[in-house]
């Protein structure tokens, strides 16, 4: 066998493995969106519970909840951006 042919086949195989690993990494990066959604659901549930216990603090609790959810949503967006960059 010609050495260059063997080297070409090995490199082609490694490129295929690399493409598969990129797809797995992109899939794992998308799971950050699920974690962010669970966290946002917990924040909203506890905020509603807190507003029910202290209705006079509803405005403050709502503001804090919205800021917290905006910050936690960025985690899911970062995961989505990384997944898109990996697939490209």
Protein backbone atom coordinates (compact mmCIF):
# COMPACT_ATOMS: atom_id res chain seq x y z
CA UNK A 1 0.00 0.00 0.00
CA UNK A 2 1.05 3.48 -0.67
CA UNK A 3 1.90 5.48 2.47
CA UNK A 4 0.02 8.57 1.25
CA UNK A 5 -3.15 6.55 0.66
CA UNK A 6 -3.04 5.16 4.20
CA UNK A 7 -2.37 8.62 5.62
CA UNK A 8 -5.26 10.07 3.60
CA UNK A 9 -7.63 7.37 4.90
CA UNK A 10 -6.55 7.94 8.50
CA UNK A 11 -7.03 11.69 8.20
CA UNK A 12 -10.48 11.23 6.63
CA UNK A 13 -11.43 8.94 9.53
CA UNK A 14 -10.23 11.50 12.09
CA UNK A 15 -12.25 14.25 10.40
CA UNK A 16 -15.37 12.09 10.62
CA UNK A 17 -14.73 11.45 14.32
CA UNK A 18 -14.25 15.19 14.83
CA UNK A 19 -17.56 15.96 13.16
CA UNK A 20 -19.31 13.42 15.38
CA UNK A 21 -17.75 14.87 18.52
CA UNK A 22 -18.80 18.38 17.46
CA UNK A 23 -22.39 17.15 17.12
CA UNK A 24 -22.27 15.56 20.57
CA UNK A 25 -20.84 18.76 22.05
CA UNK A 26 -23.56 20.85 20.40
CA UNK A 27 -26.21 18.53 21.80
CA UNK A 28 -24.75 18.85 25.29
CA UNK A 29 -24.59 22.62 24.98
CA UNK A 30 -28.30 22.75 24.16
CA UNK A 31 -29.08 21.05 27.48
CA UNK A 32 -28.13 24.28 29.26
CA UNK A 33 -31.48 25.58 28.03
CA UNK A 34 -33.29 22.84 29.98
CA UNK A 35 -31.38 23.70 33.16
CA UNK A 36 -32.17 27.39 32.71
CA UNK A 37 -35.87 26.62 32.22
CA UNK A 38 -36.00 24.52 35.39
CA UNK A 39 -34.28 27.30 37.33
CA UNK A 40 -36.61 29.96 35.98
CA UNK A 41 -39.62 27.84 36.88
CA UNK A 42 -38.37 27.47 40.44
CA UNK A 43 -37.76 31.22 40.71
CA UNK A 44 -41.27 32.01 39.47
CA UNK A 45 -42.86 29.45 41.80
CA UNK A 46 -41.06 30.81 44.84
CA UNK A 47 -41.81 34.40 43.85
CA UNK A 48 -45.53 33.67 43.60
CA UNK A 49 -45.34 31.92 46.96
CA UNK A 50 -43.58 34.93 48.48
CA UNK A 51 -46.15 37.35 46.98
CA UNK A 52 -48.96 35.26 48.44
CA UNK A 53 -47.38 35.44 51.89
CA UNK A 54 -46.54 39.16 51.75
CA UNK A 55 -48.75 40.97 49.21
CA UNK A 56 -47.36 44.38 50.22
CA UNK A 57 -43.91 43.34 48.89
CA UNK A 58 -45.26 42.15 45.52
CA UNK A 59 -43.60 44.96 43.54
CA UNK A 60 -40.16 44.34 45.02
CA UNK A 61 -40.46 40.58 44.68
CA UNK A 62 -41.60 40.86 41.06
CA UNK A 63 -38.69 43.18 40.16
CA UNK A 64 -36.17 40.87 41.80
CA UNK A 65 -37.75 37.84 40.09
CA UNK A 66 -37.57 39.43 36.64
CA UNK A 67 -33.92 40.43 37.10
CA UNK A 68 -33.06 36.93 38.29
CA UNK A 69 -34.86 35.31 35.38
CA UNK A 70 -33.14 37.59 32.87
CA UNK A 71 -29.75 36.65 34.29
CA UNK A 72 -30.53 32.92 34.28
CA UNK A 73 -31.88 33.11 30.73
CA UNK A 74 -28.48 34.26 29.49
CA UNK A 75 -27.09 30.84 30.48
CA UNK A 76 -29.46 29.14 28.05
CA UNK A 77 -28.64 31.66 25.33
CA UNK A 78 -24.91 31.10 25.80
CA UNK A 79 -25.46 27.36 25.38
CA UNK A 80 -27.47 27.94 22.20
CA UNK A 81 -24.80 30.21 20.75
CA UNK A 82 -22.07 27.67 21.51
CA UNK A 83 -24.15 24.89 19.92
CA UNK A 84 -24.63 26.96 16.76
CA UNK A 85 -20.93 27.78 16.59
CA UNK A 86 -19.98 24.12 17.02
CA UNK A 87 -22.27 22.97 14.23
CA UNK A 88 -20.99 25.59 11.77
